[in-house]
Amino acid sequence: KHHEAFQYLPDEFKGIDQLVKKLAIIQQDRIRSTLPQVIEELRKQIREKTLELRNIPIPMTTEQDCWMKFQSMINAFRESIRTKVNGDYDISTRINMITFNNHTSSKILDSIMLSSL
């Protein structure tokens, strides 16, 4: 009935039915241990995708919508140029100007130092 290597095993460990039962128990244990993490990961992804969906702009379905958006972008650009021409810079522009000026100043100093050698 069974291979002689298995003759001393108890009957509850022998046979295909016992193997199926044991594998089902192992599978259940594995599912129980990993399912909470899988569910939490799915919830996290759902939250992220929901936020992404909220940030999607309104669709432009007509030519008029496109022109209105384009016009608002042009107006924002004009306003930005006008304020900069008048010397009114936003904080990010000021930071970029300071960084650029410091970088340019250090290059000028380096070239003066090299030319004096």
N, C-alpha and C. Protein backbone atom coordinates (compact mmCIF):
# COMPACT_ATOMS: atom_id res chain seq x y z
N LYS A 1 0.82 -1.19 0.00
CA LYS A 1 0.00 0.00 0.00
C LYS A 1 0.86 1.26 0.00
N HIS A 2 1.82 1.39 0.93
CA HIS A 2 2.73 2.54 0.98
C HIS A 2 4.15 2.05 0.83
N HIS A 3 4.99 2.96 0.39
CA HIS A 3 6.41 2.66 0.28
C HIS A 3 6.94 2.33 1.66
N GLU A 4 7.90 1.43 1.73
CA GLU A 4 8.39 0.98 3.03
C GLU A 4 9.05 2.10 3.83
N ALA A 5 9.53 3.16 3.18
CA ALA A 5 10.13 4.28 3.90
C ALA A 5 9.09 5.01 4.76
N PHE A 6 7.80 4.84 4.40
CA PHE A 6 6.74 5.53 5.13
C PHE A 6 5.98 4.61 6.08
N GLN A 7 6.42 3.39 6.28
CA GLN A 7 5.66 2.43 7.07
C GLN A 7 5.54 2.83 8.53
N TYR A 8 6.49 3.58 9.06
CA TYR A 8 6.43 3.94 10.48
C TYR A 8 5.75 5.29 10.73
N LEU A 9 5.32 5.95 9.66
CA LEU A 9 4.58 7.20 9.82
C LEU A 9 3.16 6.90 10.27
N PRO A 10 2.60 7.76 11.11
CA PRO A 10 1.20 7.56 11.49
C PRO A 10 0.30 7.73 10.27
N ASP A 11 -0.86 7.10 10.31
CA ASP A 11 -1.77 7.13 9.17
C ASP A 11 -2.25 8.55 8.83
N GLU A 12 -2.27 9.47 9.82
CA GLU A 12 -2.74 10.82 9.52
C GLU A 12 -1.77 11.61 8.63
N PHE A 13 -0.58 11.04 8.38
CA PHE A 13 0.38 11.70 7.49
C PHE A 13 0.48 11.00 6.14
N LYS A 14 -0.30 9.96 5.92
CA LYS A 14 -0.18 9.17 4.70
C LYS A 14 -1.35 9.43 3.76
N GLY A 15 -1.08 9.34 2.48
CA GLY A 15 -2.13 9.39 1.47
C GLY A 15 -2.33 10.78 0.86
N ILE A 16 -2.95 10.77 -0.32
CA ILE A 16 -3.22 12.00 -1.06
C ILE A 16 -4.21 12.88 -0.31
N ASP A 17 -5.21 12.28 0.31
CA ASP A 17 -6.19 13.07 1.05
C ASP A 17 -5.52 13.85 2.17
N GLN A 18 -4.60 13.22 2.85
CA GLN A 18 -3.88 13.89 3.94
C GLN A 18 -2.98 15.00 3.39
N LEU A 19 -2.37 14.73 2.24
CA LEU A 19 -1.53 15.74 1.60
C LEU A 19 -2.36 16.96 1.20
N VAL A 20 -3.53 16.72 0.63
CA VAL A 20 -4.42 17.82 0.23
C VAL A 20 -4.83 18.64 1.45
N LYS A 21 -5.18 17.96 2.53
CA LYS A 21 -5.59 18.66 3.75
C LYS A 21 -4.43 19.51 4.29
N LYS A 22 -3.25 18.93 4.33
CA LYS A 22 -2.07 19.64 4.86
C LYS A 22 -1.74 20.86 3.98
N LEU A 23 -1.81 20.70 2.67
CA LEU A 23 -1.53 21.81 1.76
C LEU A 23 -2.59 22.90 1.89
N ALA A 24 -3.84 22.51 2.09
CA ALA A 24 -4.91 23.49 2.28
C ALA A 24 -4.69 24.29 3.57
N ILE A 25 -4.23 23.63 4.61
CA ILE A 25 -3.95 24.32 5.87
C ILE A 25 -2.79 25.30 5.70
N ILE A 26 -1.75 24.87 5.00
CA ILE A 26 -0.61 25.75 4.74
C ILE A 26 -1.04 26.96 3.92
N GLN A 27 -1.87 26.72 2.91
CA GLN A 27 -2.36 27.81 2.07
C GLN A 27 -3.22 28.78 2.88
N GLN A 28 -4.09 28.28 3.73
CA GLN A 28 -4.92 29.14 4.58
C GLN A 28 -4.06 29.99 5.50
N ASP A 29 -3.06 29.37 6.10
CA ASP A 29 -2.17 30.11 7.00
C ASP A 29 -1.44 31.22 6.24
N ARG A 30 -1.00 30.91 5.05
CA ARG A 30 -0.29 31.89 4.22
C ARG A 30 -1.21 33.05 3.85
N ILE A 31 -2.43 32.75 3.47
CA ILE A 31 -3.40 33.80 3.13
C ILE A 31 -3.70 34.66 4.34
N ARG A 32 -3.90 34.03 5.49
CA ARG A 32 -4.18 34.79 6.71
C ARG A 32 -3.03 35.71 7.09
N SER A 33 -1.81 35.26 6.85
CA SER A 33 -0.65 36.08 7.24
C SER A 33 -0.39 37.22 6.26
N THR A 34 -0.71 37.04 4.99
CA THR A 34 -0.39 38.08 4.00
C THR A 34 -1.57 38.98 3.63
N LEU A 35 -2.78 38.52 3.84
CA LEU A 35 -3.95 39.29 3.42
C LEU A 35 -4.04 40.68 4.06
N PRO A 36 -3.78 40.85 5.35
CA PRO A 36 -3.86 42.20 5.92
C PRO A 36 -2.90 43.19 5.25
N GLN A 37 -1.69 42.73 4.92
CA GLN A 37 -0.73 43.61 4.25
C GLN A 37 -1.19 43.95 2.84
N VAL A 38 -1.75 42.98 2.15
CA VAL A 38 -2.24 43.20 0.79
C VAL A 38 -3.39 44.21 0.82
N ILE A 39 -4.29 44.04 1.77
CA ILE A 39 -5.44 44.96 1.89
C ILE A 39 -4.95 46.37 2.21
N GLU A 40 -3.99 46.50 3.11
CA GLU A 40 -3.47 47.83 3.45
C GLU A 40 -2.78 48.47 2.26
N GLU A 41 -2.03 47.70 1.51
CA GLU A 41 -1.37 48.23 0.31
C GLU A 41 -2.39 48.68 -0.73
N LEU A 42 -3.45 47.91 -0.90
CA LEU A 42 -4.51 48.30 -1.83
C LEU A 42 -5.21 49.58 -1.38
N ARG A 43 -5.46 49.70 -0.09
CA ARG A 43 -6.08 50.92 0.43
C ARG A 43 -5.19 52.14 0.20
N LYS A 44 -3.90 51.94 0.41
CA LYS A 44 -2.94 53.03 0.19
C LYS A 44 -2.96 53.45 -1.28
N GLN A 45 -2.95 52.50 -2.18
CA GLN A 45 -2.98 52.81 -3.60
C GLN A 45 -4.29 53.49 -4.00
N ILE A 46 -5.39 53.06 -3.40
CA ILE A 46 -6.69 53.69 -3.69
C ILE A 46 -6.66 55.15 -3.24
N ARG A 47 -6.10 55.41 -2.05
CA ARG A 47 -6.00 56.79 -1.57
C ARG A 47 -5.15 57.65 -2.51
N GLU A 48 -4.01 57.10 -2.95
CA GLU A 48 -3.13 57.84 -3.86
C GLU A 48 -3.83 58.14 -5.19
N LYS A 49 -4.49 57.15 -5.73
CA LYS A 49 -5.17 57.33 -7.02
C LYS A 49 -6.35 58.29 -6.90
N THR A 50 -7.03 58.27 -5.76
CA THR A 50 -8.13 59.20 -5.54
C THR A 50 -7.62 60.63 -5.52
N LEU A 51 -6.47 60.85 -4.86
CA LEU A 51 -5.88 62.19 -4.85
C LEU A 51 -5.46 62.61 -6.26
N GLU A 52 -4.88 61.68 -7.01
CA GLU A 52 -4.50 61.99 -8.39
C GLU A 52 -5.72 62.37 -9.22
N LEU A 53 -6.81 61.64 -9.04
CA LEU A 53 -8.03 61.94 -9.79
C LEU A 53 -8.58 63.31 -9.43
N ARG A 54 -8.46 63.69 -8.17
CA ARG A 54 -8.95 65.01 -7.76
C ARG A 54 -8.14 66.14 -8.41
N ASN A 55 -6.87 65.87 -8.72
CA ASN A 55 -6.00 66.89 -9.28
C ASN A 55 -6.06 66.96 -10.81
N ILE A 56 -6.82 66.10 -11.42
CA ILE A 56 -6.95 66.14 -12.88
C ILE A 56 -7.76 67.37 -13.26
N PRO A 57 -7.24 68.16 -14.19
CA PRO A 57 -7.99 69.35 -14.58
C PRO A 57 -9.28 69.01 -15.31
N ILE A 58 -10.15 70.01 -15.37
CA ILE A 58 -11.43 69.84 -16.07
C ILE A 58 -11.14 69.60 -17.55
N PRO A 59 -11.79 68.63 -18.15
CA PRO A 59 -11.51 68.36 -19.57
C PRO A 59 -11.99 69.50 -20.46
N MET A 60 -11.20 69.77 -21.47
CA MET A 60 -11.58 70.78 -22.46
C MET A 60 -12.15 70.05 -23.66
N THR A 61 -13.45 70.13 -23.80
CA THR A 61 -14.12 69.33 -24.83
C THR A 61 -14.49 70.14 -26.07
N THR A 62 -14.40 71.45 -25.96
CA THR A 62 -14.74 72.26 -27.13
C THR A 62 -13.58 73.17 -27.48
N GLU A 63 -13.62 73.70 -28.67
CA GLU A 63 -12.59 74.63 -29.11
C GLU A 63 -12.63 75.90 -28.26
N GLN A 64 -13.82 76.30 -27.89
CA GLN A 64 -13.97 77.50 -27.06
C GLN A 64 -13.29 77.30 -25.70
N ASP A 65 -13.43 76.11 -25.11
CA ASP A 65 -12.75 75.81 -23.84
C ASP A 65 -11.23 75.94 -24.00
N CYS A 66 -10.72 75.41 -25.10
CA CYS A 66 -9.28 75.48 -25.36
C CYS A 66 -8.81 76.93 -25.50
N TRP A 67 -9.56 77.72 -26.25
CA TRP A 67 -9.20 79.12 -26.43
C TRP A 67 -9.26 79.88 -25.11
N MET A 68 -10.25 79.60 -24.29
CA MET A 68 -10.36 80.28 -23.00
C MET A 68 -9.16 79.93 -22.11
N LYS A 69 -8.77 78.66 -22.09
CA LYS A 69 -7.61 78.24 -21.30
C LYS A 69 -6.34 78.89 -21.83
N PHE A 70 -6.19 78.88 -23.16
CA PHE A 70 -5.02 79.49 -23.78
C PHE A 70 -4.95 80.98 -23.45
N GLN A 71 -6.09 81.66 -23.53
CA GLN A 71 -6.13 83.09 -23.23
C GLN A 71 -5.77 83.36 -21.77
N SER A 72 -6.25 82.52 -20.86
CA SER A 72 -5.92 82.72 -19.44
C SER A 72 -4.42 82.48 -19.20
N MET A 73 -3.83 81.54 -19.91
CA MET A 73 -2.39 81.31 -19.79
C MET A 73 -1.61 82.50 -20.32
N ILE A 74 -2.04 83.04 -21.45
CA ILE A 74 -1.38 84.22 -22.03
C ILE A 74 -1.49 85.41 -21.07
N ASN A 75 -2.67 85.61 -20.50
CA ASN A 75 -2.86 86.71 -19.56
C ASN A 75 -1.98 86.55 -18.33
N ALA A 76 -1.85 85.33 -17.83
CA ALA A 76 -0.99 85.08 -16.66
C ALA A 76 0.47 85.36 -17.02
N PHE A 77 0.88 84.97 -18.21
CA PHE A 77 2.25 85.22 -18.67
C PHE A 77 2.49 86.72 -18.80
N ARG A 78 1.56 87.45 -19.43
CA ARG A 78 1.69 88.91 -19.57
C ARG A 78 1.81 89.58 -18.21
N GLU A 79 0.98 89.15 -17.27
CA GLU A 79 1.01 89.73 -15.93
C GLU A 79 2.35 89.45 -15.25
N SER A 80 2.86 88.26 -15.44
CA SER A 80 4.15 87.90 -14.87
C SER A 80 5.25 88.77 -15.45
N ILE A 81 5.25 88.97 -16.75
CA ILE A 81 6.26 89.81 -17.41
C ILE A 81 6.12 91.26 -16.92
N ARG A 82 4.89 91.75 -16.85
CA ARG A 82 4.66 93.14 -16.42
C ARG A 82 5.20 93.37 -15.01
N THR A 83 4.93 92.45 -14.10
CA THR A 83 5.40 92.64 -12.72
C THR A 83 6.92 92.58 -12.65
N LYS A 84 7.52 91.73 -13.44
CA LYS A 84 8.98 91.63 -13.42
C LYS A 84 9.63 92.88 -14.02
N VAL A 85 9.04 93.41 -15.09
CA VAL A 85 9.55 94.64 -15.69
C VAL A 85 9.46 95.78 -14.68
N ASN A 86 8.43 95.78 -13.86
CA ASN A 86 8.27 96.82 -12.83
C ASN A 86 9.10 96.54 -11.59
N GLY A 87 9.86 95.43 -11.58
CA GLY A 87 10.74 95.13 -10.45
C GLY A 87 10.07 94.42 -9.30
N ASP A 88 8.88 93.90 -9.51
CA ASP A 88 8.16 93.19 -8.45
C ASP A 88 8.29 91.69 -8.70
N TYR A 89 9.26 91.06 -8.02
CA TYR A 89 9.55 89.65 -8.25
C TYR A 89 8.92 88.79 -7.17
N ASP A 90 8.48 87.61 -7.57
CA ASP A 90 7.99 86.66 -6.57
C ASP A 90 9.19 86.01 -5.90
N ILE A 91 8.95 85.29 -4.84
CA ILE A 91 10.04 84.74 -4.02
C ILE A 91 10.92 83.76 -4.81
N SER A 92 10.33 82.92 -5.64
CA SER A 92 11.15 81.95 -6.38
C SER A 92 12.04 82.66 -7.40
N THR A 93 11.54 83.73 -8.01
CA THR A 93 12.36 84.50 -8.95
C THR A 93 13.50 85.18 -8.21
N ARG A 94 13.22 85.73 -7.04
CA ARG A 94 14.27 86.37 -6.24
C ARG A 94 15.36 85.38 -5.87
N ILE A 95 14.96 84.19 -5.45
CA ILE A 95 15.95 83.16 -5.07
C ILE A 95 16.79 82.78 -6.28
N ASN A 96 16.15 82.60 -7.44
CA ASN A 96 16.90 82.26 -8.65
C ASN A 96 17.87 83.38 -9.03
N MET A 97 17.44 84.63 -8.88
CA MET A 97 18.31 85.76 -9.21
C MET A 97 19.50 85.81 -8.27
N ILE A 98 19.28 85.59 -6.99
CA ILE A 98 20.36 85.62 -6.02
C ILE A 98 21.35 84.50 -6.31
N THR A 99 20.83 83.30 -6.56
CA THR A 99 21.68 82.15 -6.87
C THR A 99 22.48 82.42 -8.13
N PHE A 100 21.83 82.94 -9.16
CA PHE A 100 22.50 83.23 -10.42
C PHE A 100 23.58 84.29 -10.22
N ASN A 101 23.24 85.36 -9.48
CA ASN A 101 24.21 86.43 -9.23
C ASN A 101 25.41 85.92 -8.44
N ASN A 102 25.17 85.11 -7.42
CA ASN A 102 26.28 84.55 -6.63
C ASN A 102 27.15 83.65 -7.49
N HIS A 103 26.53 82.84 -8.32
CA HIS A 103 27.28 81.93 -9.19
C HIS A 103 28.08 82.74 -10.21
N THR A 104 27.47 83.76 -10.79
CA THR A 104 28.13 84.61 -11.78
C THR A 104 29.28 85.38 -11.13
N SER A 105 29.05 85.90 -9.92
CA SER A 105 30.09 86.65 -9.22
C SER A 105 31.30 85.78 -8.94
N SER A 106 31.07 84.54 -8.52
CA SER A 106 32.20 83.66 -8.22
C SER A 106 32.97 83.31 -9.50
N LYS A 107 32.30 83.18 -10.64
CA LYS A 107 32.99 82.91 -11.90
C LYS A 107 33.82 84.12 -12.32
N ILE A 108 33.27 85.34 -12.13
CA ILE A 108 34.01 86.56 -12.47
C ILE A 108 35.24 86.67 -11.60
N LEU A 109 35.10 86.42 -10.30
CA LEU A 109 36.25 86.47 -9.39
C LEU A 109 37.30 85.45 -9.80
N ASP A 110 36.87 84.25 -10.17
CA ASP A 110 37.82 83.22 -10.59
C ASP A 110 38.58 83.65 -11.84
N SER A 111 37.86 84.26 -12.80
CA SER A 111 38.53 84.67 -14.04
C SER A 111 39.50 85.83 -13.76
N ILE A 112 39.15 86.73 -12.82
CA ILE A 112 40.07 87.82 -12.46
C ILE A 112 41.31 87.27 -11.81
N MET A 113 41.12 86.31 -10.92
CA MET A 113 42.25 85.68 -10.23
C MET A 113 43.17 84.98 -11.23
N LEU A 114 42.58 84.28 -12.20
CA LEU A 114 43.39 83.57 -13.18
C LEU A 114 44.12 84.53 -14.11
N SER A 115 43.47 85.63 -14.46
CA SER A 115 44.11 86.57 -15.38
C SER A 115 45.24 87.34 -14.70
N SER A 116 45.21 87.45 -13.38
CA SER A 116 46.27 88.19 -12.68
C SER A 116 47.51 87.32 -12.48
N LEU A 117 47.39 86.02 -12.75
CA LEU A 117 48.56 85.14 -12.57
C LEU A 117 49.50 85.23 -13.69
